[in-house]
Amino acid sequence: GIPQEYPFETSFMVQQPNITVSADAMNVFYIGVPNPVSISVPGVPTENIRPSISAGGSLSHQGGNRYIVSVAPGTTGNLTITANALVDGATRNMGSVSFRVRTVPDPVAYIAGRREGRITRDELAIARAIIPRLQGFDFDMNFEIASFTMVTTIGGDFRTFQATGNTFTTEIMQVINAAVTGQRFTFENIVTRPGPDGRVRTLAPIVFTIR
């Protein structure tokens, strides 16, 4: 027979490159904190993915599709993770994802688990230290107190006592043990040691009245 030609049309869709980056803790990267992320590209084996990060950040491979993002002090704005992948023998750009850069929030100082109000002399003496705590923060990390000042009134005179570290000095303990009902104690100038981002924080004061 005679070959016949039949005109026809067809169409196909090429899927756009698609990188998936999920921050394991939240949608921001914090300075000075190991930020865990998972990086993947649908349909591409993990070993064929080559991620990179913009200036100010670094990526450390933890195995599989898991990485740790570290952010250099002083970095502001956003960091962008870009992934290239080996597909059919060629390197292709699979897209980018941006994350906001934030500093670790200031901790809150506590004594005996409290920040203000009425307290007994014994409760204050037993506590004998200022404890900084991060509130509403997903990462497990600690701050240390470098110094603080205690202010109170003794015999009608304002007295100020300095301390290094977070614990009450012997002199402060003597004043607390001799405290009377209604005496006011203010712990102020509470300064931390440099945090994970290299910043020193001055925390809000703690104010108690002896009951």
C-alpha atoms as a PDB file:
ATOM      1  CA  GLY A   1       0.000   0.000   0.000  1.00  0.00           C
ATOM      2  CA  ILE A   2       0.870   3.640  -0.222  1.00  0.00           C
ATOM      3  CA  PRO A   3       2.061   5.257   3.039  1.00  0.00           C
ATOM      4  CA  GLN A   4      -0.402   7.833   4.281  1.00  0.00           C
ATOM      5  CA  GLU A   5       0.466  10.928   6.351  1.00  0.00           C
ATOM      6  CA  TYR A   6      -1.956  12.054   9.035  1.00  0.00           C
ATOM      7  CA  PRO A   7      -1.404  15.466  10.675  1.00  0.00           C
ATOM      8  CA  PHE A   8      -1.659  15.488  14.468  1.00  0.00           C
ATOM      9  CA  GLU A   9      -0.859  17.720  17.424  1.00  0.00           C
ATOM     10  CA  THR A  10       0.297  16.835  20.913  1.00  0.00           C
ATOM     11  CA  SER A  11       1.392  18.771  23.965  1.00  0.00           C
ATOM     12  CA  PHE A  12       3.353  18.048  27.132  1.00  0.00           C
ATOM     13  CA  MET A  13       4.201  19.913  30.325  1.00  0.00           C
ATOM     14  CA  VAL A  14       7.668  20.280  31.754  1.00  0.00           C
ATOM     15  CA  GLN A  15       7.493  20.514  35.546  1.00  0.00           C
ATOM     16  CA  GLN A  16       9.190  23.560  37.011  1.00  0.00           C
ATOM     17  CA  PRO A  17      12.240  22.897  39.218  1.00  0.00           C
ATOM     18  CA  ASN A  18      11.013  22.591  42.769  1.00  0.00           C
ATOM     19  CA  ILE A  19      13.225  22.701  45.852  1.00  0.00           C
ATOM     20  CA  THR A  20      11.726  21.928  49.240  1.00  0.00           C
ATOM     21  CA  VAL A  21      13.499  23.385  52.268  1.00  0.00           C
ATOM     22  CA  SER A  22      11.876  23.010  55.656  1.00  0.00           C
ATOM     23  CA  ALA A  23      13.333  24.548  58.792  1.00  0.00           C
ATOM     24  CA  ASP A  24      12.928  21.842  61.406  1.00  0.00           C
ATOM     25  CA  ALA A  25      12.270  24.327  64.222  1.00  0.00           C
ATOM     26  CA  MET A  26      10.652  27.371  62.559  1.00  0.00           C
ATOM     27  CA  ASN A  27      10.668  29.535  59.438  1.00  0.00           C
ATOM     28  CA  VAL A  28      13.596  31.728  60.483  1.00  0.00           C
ATOM     29  CA  PHE A  29      17.316  31.255  61.013  1.00  0.00           C
ATOM     30  CA  TYR A  30      18.815  32.505  64.281  1.00  0.00           C
ATOM     31  CA  ILE A  31      22.306  33.935  64.610  1.00  0.00           C
ATOM     32  CA  GLY A  32      24.614  31.797  66.723  1.00  0.00           C
ATOM     33  CA  VAL A  33      22.234  28.826  66.878  1.00  0.00           C
ATOM     34  CA  PRO A  34      22.523  25.535  64.931  1.00  0.00           C
ATOM     35  CA  ASN A  35      19.424  25.745  62.724  1.00  0.00           C
ATOM     36  CA  PRO A  36      18.392  22.280  61.448  1.00  0.00           C
ATOM     37  CA  VAL A  37      16.856  22.105  57.965  1.00  0.00           C
ATOM     38  CA  SER A  38      15.770  19.397  55.555  1.00  0.00           C
ATOM     39  CA  ILE A  39      16.483  19.937  51.843  1.00  0.00           C
ATOM     40  CA  SER A  40      14.921  17.833  49.104  1.00  0.00           C
ATOM     41  CA  VAL A  41      13.815  17.977  45.479  1.00  0.00           C
ATOM     42  CA  PRO A  42      10.853  15.784  44.474  1.00  0.00           C
ATOM     43  CA  GLY A  43      11.976  12.995  42.167  1.00  0.00           C
ATOM     44  CA  VAL A  44      15.700  13.638  42.668  1.00  0.00           C
ATOM     45  CA  PRO A  45      17.820  11.316  44.837  1.00  0.00           C
ATOM     46  CA  THR A  46      19.294  13.039  47.867  1.00  0.00           C
ATOM     47  CA  GLU A  47      22.852  12.259  46.794  1.00  0.00           C
ATOM     48  CA  ASN A  48      22.314  14.206  43.547  1.00  0.00           C
ATOM     49  CA  ILE A  49      21.307  17.445  45.285  1.00  0.00           C
ATOM     50  CA  ARG A  50      23.939  20.162  45.756  1.00  0.00           C
ATOM     51  CA  PRO A  51      22.594  22.904  48.064  1.00  0.00           C
ATOM     52  CA  SER A  52      24.313  26.214  48.772  1.00  0.00           C
ATOM     53  CA  ILE A  53      23.507  29.241  50.927  1.00  0.00           C
ATOM     54  CA  SER A  54      23.986  32.975  50.439  1.00  0.00           C
ATOM     55  CA  ALA A  55      26.678  35.086  52.120  1.00  0.00           C
ATOM     56  CA  GLY A  56      26.438  35.171  55.902  1.00  0.00           C
ATOM     57  CA  GLY A  57      25.346  31.551  56.221  1.00  0.00           C
ATOM     58  CA  SER A  58      26.989  28.149  56.064  1.00  0.00           C
ATOM     59  CA  LEU A  59      25.616  24.644  55.503  1.00  0.00           C
ATOM     60  CA  SER A  60      26.866  21.538  57.301  1.00  0.00           C
ATOM     61  CA  HIS A  61      25.642  18.186  55.971  1.00  0.00           C
ATOM     62  CA  GLN A  62      24.320  15.892  58.701  1.00  0.00           C
ATOM     63  CA  GLY A  63      23.470  12.921  56.504  1.00  0.00           C
ATOM     64  CA  GLY A  64      20.583  12.197  54.159  1.00  0.00           C
ATOM     65  CA  ASN A  65      18.649  15.370  53.431  1.00  0.00           C
ATOM     66  CA  ARG A  66      19.422  16.983  56.778  1.00  0.00           C
ATOM     67  CA  TYR A  67      21.678  20.012  57.227  1.00  0.00           C
ATOM     68  CA  ILE A  68      22.642  22.530  59.887  1.00  0.00           C
ATOM     69  CA  VAL A  69      22.556  26.209  58.950  1.00  0.00           C
ATOM     70  CA  SER A  70      24.884  28.526  60.865  1.00  0.00           C
ATOM     71  CA  VAL A  71      24.461  32.296  60.610  1.00  0.00           C
ATOM     72  CA  ALA A  72      27.426  34.621  61.094  1.00  0.00           C
ATOM     73  CA  PRO A  73      27.127  37.456  63.660  1.00  0.00           C
ATOM     74  CA  GLY A  74      26.089  40.726  62.054  1.00  0.00           C
ATOM     75  CA  THR A  75      24.064  39.077  59.293  1.00  0.00           C
ATOM     76  CA  THR A  76      20.763  40.857  58.582  1.00  0.00           C
ATOM     77  CA  GLY A  77      17.804  40.492  56.249  1.00  0.00           C
ATOM     78  CA  ASN A  78      17.357  37.093  54.617  1.00  0.00           C
ATOM     79  CA  LEU A  79      19.428  34.047  53.784  1.00  0.00           C
ATOM     80  CA  THR A  80      18.675  32.091  50.628  1.00  0.00           C
ATOM     81  CA  ILE A  81      19.238  28.382  50.106  1.00  0.00           C
ATOM     82  CA  THR A  82      19.661  27.339  46.475  1.00  0.00           C
ATOM     83  CA  ALA A  83      19.793  23.779  45.192  1.00  0.00           C
ATOM     84  CA  ASN A  84      21.405  22.439  42.047  1.00  0.00           C
ATOM     85  CA  ALA A  85      20.785  18.823  41.122  1.00  0.00           C
ATOM     86  CA  LEU A  86      22.265  16.280  38.759  1.00  0.00           C
ATOM     87  CA  VAL A  87      19.413  15.263  36.441  1.00  0.00           C
ATOM     88  CA  ASP A  88      19.960  13.044  33.382  1.00  0.00           C
ATOM     89  CA  GLY A  89      23.675  13.750  33.463  1.00  0.00           C
ATOM     90  CA  ALA A  90      23.267  17.529  33.562  1.00  0.00           C
ATOM     91  CA  THR A  91      23.306  20.006  36.442  1.00  0.00           C
ATOM     92  CA  ARG A  92      20.057  21.920  36.817  1.00  0.00           C
ATOM     93  CA  ASN A  93      19.054  24.742  39.111  1.00  0.00           C
ATOM     94  CA  MET A  94      16.105  23.504  41.161  1.00  0.00           C
ATOM     95  CA  GLY A  95      15.138  26.799  42.760  1.00  0.00           C
ATOM     96  CA  SER A  96      15.716  28.795  45.929  1.00  0.00           C
ATOM     97  CA  VAL A  97      14.031  29.395  49.271  1.00  0.00           C
ATOM     98  CA  SER A  98      14.622  32.412  51.530  1.00  0.00           C
ATOM     99  CA  PHE A  99      14.494  32.580  55.326  1.00  0.00           C
ATOM    100  CA  ARG A 100      14.483  35.587  57.627  1.00  0.00           C
ATOM    101  CA  VAL A 101      17.496  36.136  59.884  1.00  0.00           C
ATOM    102  CA  ARG A 102      16.816  36.931  63.525  1.00  0.00           C
ATOM    103  CA  THR A 103      18.811  37.367  66.712  1.00  0.00           C
ATOM    104  CA  VAL A 104      18.068  35.134  69.676  1.00  0.00           C
ATOM    105  CA  PRO A 105      15.537  36.944  71.918  1.00  0.00           C
ATOM    106  CA  ASP A 106      16.559  38.257  75.320  1.00  0.00           C
ATOM    107  CA  PRO A 107      16.053  35.862  78.217  1.00  0.00           C
ATOM    108  CA  VAL A 108      13.958  36.835  81.228  1.00  0.00           C
ATOM    109  CA  ALA A 109      15.536  36.896  84.694  1.00  0.00           C
ATOM    110  CA  TYR A 110      13.874  35.027  87.579  1.00  0.00           C
ATOM    111  CA  ILE A 111      14.496  34.495  91.274  1.00  0.00           C
ATOM    112  CA  ALA A 112      12.655  31.587  92.892  1.00  0.00           C
ATOM    113  CA  GLY A 113      10.727  31.229  89.645  1.00  0.00           C
ATOM    114  CA  ARG A 114       9.249  34.716  90.013  1.00  0.00           C
ATOM    115  CA  ARG A 115       9.889  38.250  88.807  1.00  0.00           C
ATOM    116  CA  GLU A 116       7.992  40.476  91.201  1.00  0.00           C
ATOM    117  CA  GLY A 117       5.570  40.634  94.080  1.00  0.00           C
ATOM    118  CA  ARG A 118       5.680  39.683  97.735  1.00  0.00           C
ATOM    119  CA  ILE A 119       8.104  37.029  98.948  1.00  0.00           C
ATOM    120  CA  THR A 120       9.253  35.713 102.302  1.00  0.00           C
ATOM    121  CA  ARG A 121      12.755  36.302 103.540  1.00  0.00           C
ATOM    122  CA  ASP A 122      13.368  32.543 103.601  1.00  0.00           C
ATOM    123  CA  GLU A 123      12.161  32.062 100.013  1.00  0.00           C
ATOM    124  CA  LEU A 124      14.536  34.750  98.803  1.00  0.00           C
ATOM    125  CA  ALA A 125      17.447  33.365 100.810  1.00  0.00           C
ATOM    126  CA  ILE A 126      16.871  29.794  99.619  1.00  0.00           C
ATOM    127  CA  ALA A 127      16.757  30.898  95.965  1.00  0.00           C
ATOM    128  CA  ARG A 128      20.150  32.657  96.321  1.00  0.00           C
ATOM    129  CA  ALA A 129      20.583  33.105  92.550  1.00  0.00           C
ATOM    130  CA  ILE A 130      19.218  34.786  89.430  1.00  0.00           C
ATOM    131  CA  ILE A 131      18.195  32.358  86.685  1.00  0.00           C
ATOM    132  CA  PRO A 132      17.763  33.575  83.070  1.00  0.00           C
ATOM    133  CA  ARG A 133      15.190  31.752  80.960  1.00  0.00           C
ATOM    134  CA  LEU A 134      14.187  32.011  77.320  1.00  0.00           C
ATOM    135  CA  GLN A 135      10.436  32.165  76.828  1.00  0.00           C
ATOM    136  CA  GLY A 136       8.596  30.913  73.755  1.00  0.00           C
ATOM    137  CA  PHE A 137      11.824  29.901  72.017  1.00  0.00           C
ATOM    138  CA  ASP A 138      12.054  26.561  70.231  1.00  0.00           C
ATOM    139  CA  PHE A 139      15.778  25.989  70.689  1.00  0.00           C
ATOM    140  CA  ASP A 140      17.295  24.516  73.834  1.00  0.00           C
ATOM    141  CA  MET A 141      19.966  26.952  74.955  1.00  0.00           C
ATOM    142  CA  ASN A 142      21.166  28.707  78.090  1.00  0.00           C
ATOM    143  CA  PHE A 143      22.382  32.167  79.023  1.00  0.00           C
ATOM    144  CA  GLU A 144      24.707  32.979  81.908  1.00  0.00           C
ATOM    145  CA  ILE A 145      24.527  35.997  84.196  1.00  0.00           C
ATOM    146  CA  ALA A 146      27.770  37.989  84.339  1.00  0.00           C
ATOM    147  CA  SER A 147      26.820  40.487  87.062  1.00  0.00           C
ATOM    148  CA  PHE A 148      23.955  42.237  88.819  1.00  0.00           C
ATOM    149  CA  THR A 149      23.191  44.855  91.451  1.00  0.00           C
ATOM    150  CA  MET A 150      20.884  44.559  94.453  1.00  0.00           C
ATOM    151  CA  VAL A 151      19.344  47.734  95.881  1.00  0.00           C
ATOM    152  CA  THR A 152      17.454  47.966  99.174  1.00  0.00           C
ATOM    153  CA  THR A 153      16.859  50.341 102.075  1.00  0.00           C
ATOM    154  CA  ILE A 154      18.585  49.751 105.409  1.00  0.00           C
ATOM    155  CA  GLY A 155      17.885  52.102 108.306  1.00  0.00           C
ATOM    156  CA  GLY A 156      16.350  54.628 105.928  1.00  0.00           C
ATOM    157  CA  ASP A 157      19.383  54.680 103.613  1.00  0.00           C
ATOM    158  CA  PHE A 158      19.545  53.287 100.094  1.00  0.00           C
ATOM    159  CA  ARG A 159      22.243  50.642  99.848  1.00  0.00           C
ATOM    160  CA  THR A 160      23.673  49.090  96.701  1.00  0.00           C
ATOM    161  CA  PHE A 161      25.402  45.711  96.545  1.00  0.00           C
ATOM    162  CA  GLN A 162      27.339  44.396  93.549  1.00  0.00           C
ATOM    163  CA  ALA A 163      27.665  40.750  92.555  1.00  0.00           C
ATOM    164  CA  THR A 164      29.609  38.882  89.896  1.00  0.00           C
ATOM    165  CA  GLY A 165      27.949  35.850  88.362  1.00  0.00           C
ATOM    166  CA  ASN A 166      24.364  34.898  89.152  1.00  0.00           C
ATOM    167  CA  THR A 167      24.627  33.923  92.840  1.00  0.00           C
ATOM    168  CA  PHE A 168      24.083  36.126  95.879  1.00  0.00           C
ATOM    169  CA  THR A 169      27.255  37.213  97.650  1.00  0.00           C
ATOM    170  CA  THR A 170      27.814  36.610 101.362  1.00  0.00           C
ATOM    171  CA  GLU A 171      27.030  40.277 102.019  1.00  0.00           C
ATOM    172  CA  ILE A 172      23.773  40.091 100.035  1.00  0.00           C
ATOM    173  CA  MET A 173      22.763  36.956 101.944  1.00  0.00           C
ATOM    174  CA  GLN A 174      23.400  38.733 105.252  1.00  0.00           C
ATOM    175  CA  VAL A 175      21.151  41.619 104.196  1.00  0.00           C
ATOM    176  CA  ILE A 176      18.392  39.247 103.061  1.00  0.00           C
ATOM    177  CA  ASN A 177      18.561  37.221 106.280  1.00  0.00           C
ATOM    178  CA  ALA A 178      18.116  40.438 108.265  1.00  0.00           C
ATOM    179  CA  ALA A 179      15.247  41.724 106.097  1.00  0.00           C
ATOM    180  CA  VAL A 180      12.021  42.962 107.686  1.00  0.00           C
ATOM    181  CA  THR A 181       8.418  42.903 106.501  1.00  0.00           C
ATOM    182  CA  GLY A 182       7.776  45.546 103.855  1.00  0.00           C
ATOM    183  CA  GLN A 183      11.438  45.885 102.889  1.00  0.00           C
ATOM    184  CA  ARG A 184      11.866  46.239  99.145  1.00  0.00           C
ATOM    185  CA  PHE A 185      14.607  44.480  97.173  1.00  0.00           C
ATOM    186  CA  THR A 186      15.414  45.429  93.593  1.00  0.00           C
ATOM    187  CA  PHE A 187      17.771  43.314  91.490  1.00  0.00           C
ATOM    188  CA  GLU A 188      18.851  45.434  88.536  1.00  0.00           C
ATOM    189  CA  ASN A 189      21.656  45.961  86.027  1.00  0.00           C
ATOM    190  CA  ILE A 190      21.361  42.240  85.329  1.00  0.00           C
ATOM    191  CA  VAL A 191      23.930  41.682  82.589  1.00  0.00           C
ATOM    192  CA  THR A 192      24.486  38.429  80.712  1.00  0.00           C
ATOM    193  CA  ARG A 193      27.678  37.022  79.356  1.00  0.00           C
ATOM    194  CA  PRO A 194      27.851  37.196  75.537  1.00  0.00           C
ATOM    195  CA  GLY A 195      25.089  35.079  74.047  1.00  0.00           C
ATOM    196  CA  PRO A 196      25.362  32.697  71.088  1.00  0.00           C
ATOM    197  CA  ASP A 197      25.280  35.669  68.717  1.00  0.00           C
ATOM    198  CA  GLY A 198      28.042  37.462  70.628  1.00  0.00           C
ATOM    199  CA  ARG A 199      25.690  40.052  72.138  1.00  0.00           C
ATOM    200  CA  VAL A 200      25.625  41.055  75.804  1.00  0.00           C
ATOM    201  CA  ARG A 201      22.104  41.609  77.164  1.00  0.00           C
ATOM    202  CA  THR A 202      20.885  43.781  80.030  1.00  0.00           C
ATOM    203  CA  LEU A 203      17.751  42.192  81.460  1.00  0.00           C
ATOM    204  CA  ALA A 204      14.727  43.795  83.072  1.00  0.00           C
ATOM    205  CA  PRO A 205      14.920  44.204  86.871  1.00  0.00           C
ATOM    206  CA  ILE A 206      13.311  41.947  89.473  1.00  0.00           C
ATOM    207  CA  VAL A 207      11.467  43.640  92.347  1.00  0.00           C
ATOM    208  CA  PHE A 208      10.311  41.950  95.565  1.00  0.00           C
ATOM    209  CA  THR A 209       8.749  43.129  98.804  1.00  0.00           C
ATOM    210  CA  ILE A 210       9.280  41.049 101.946  1.00  0.00           C
ATOM    211  CA  ARG A 211       6.063  39.748 103.490  1.00  0.00           C
END
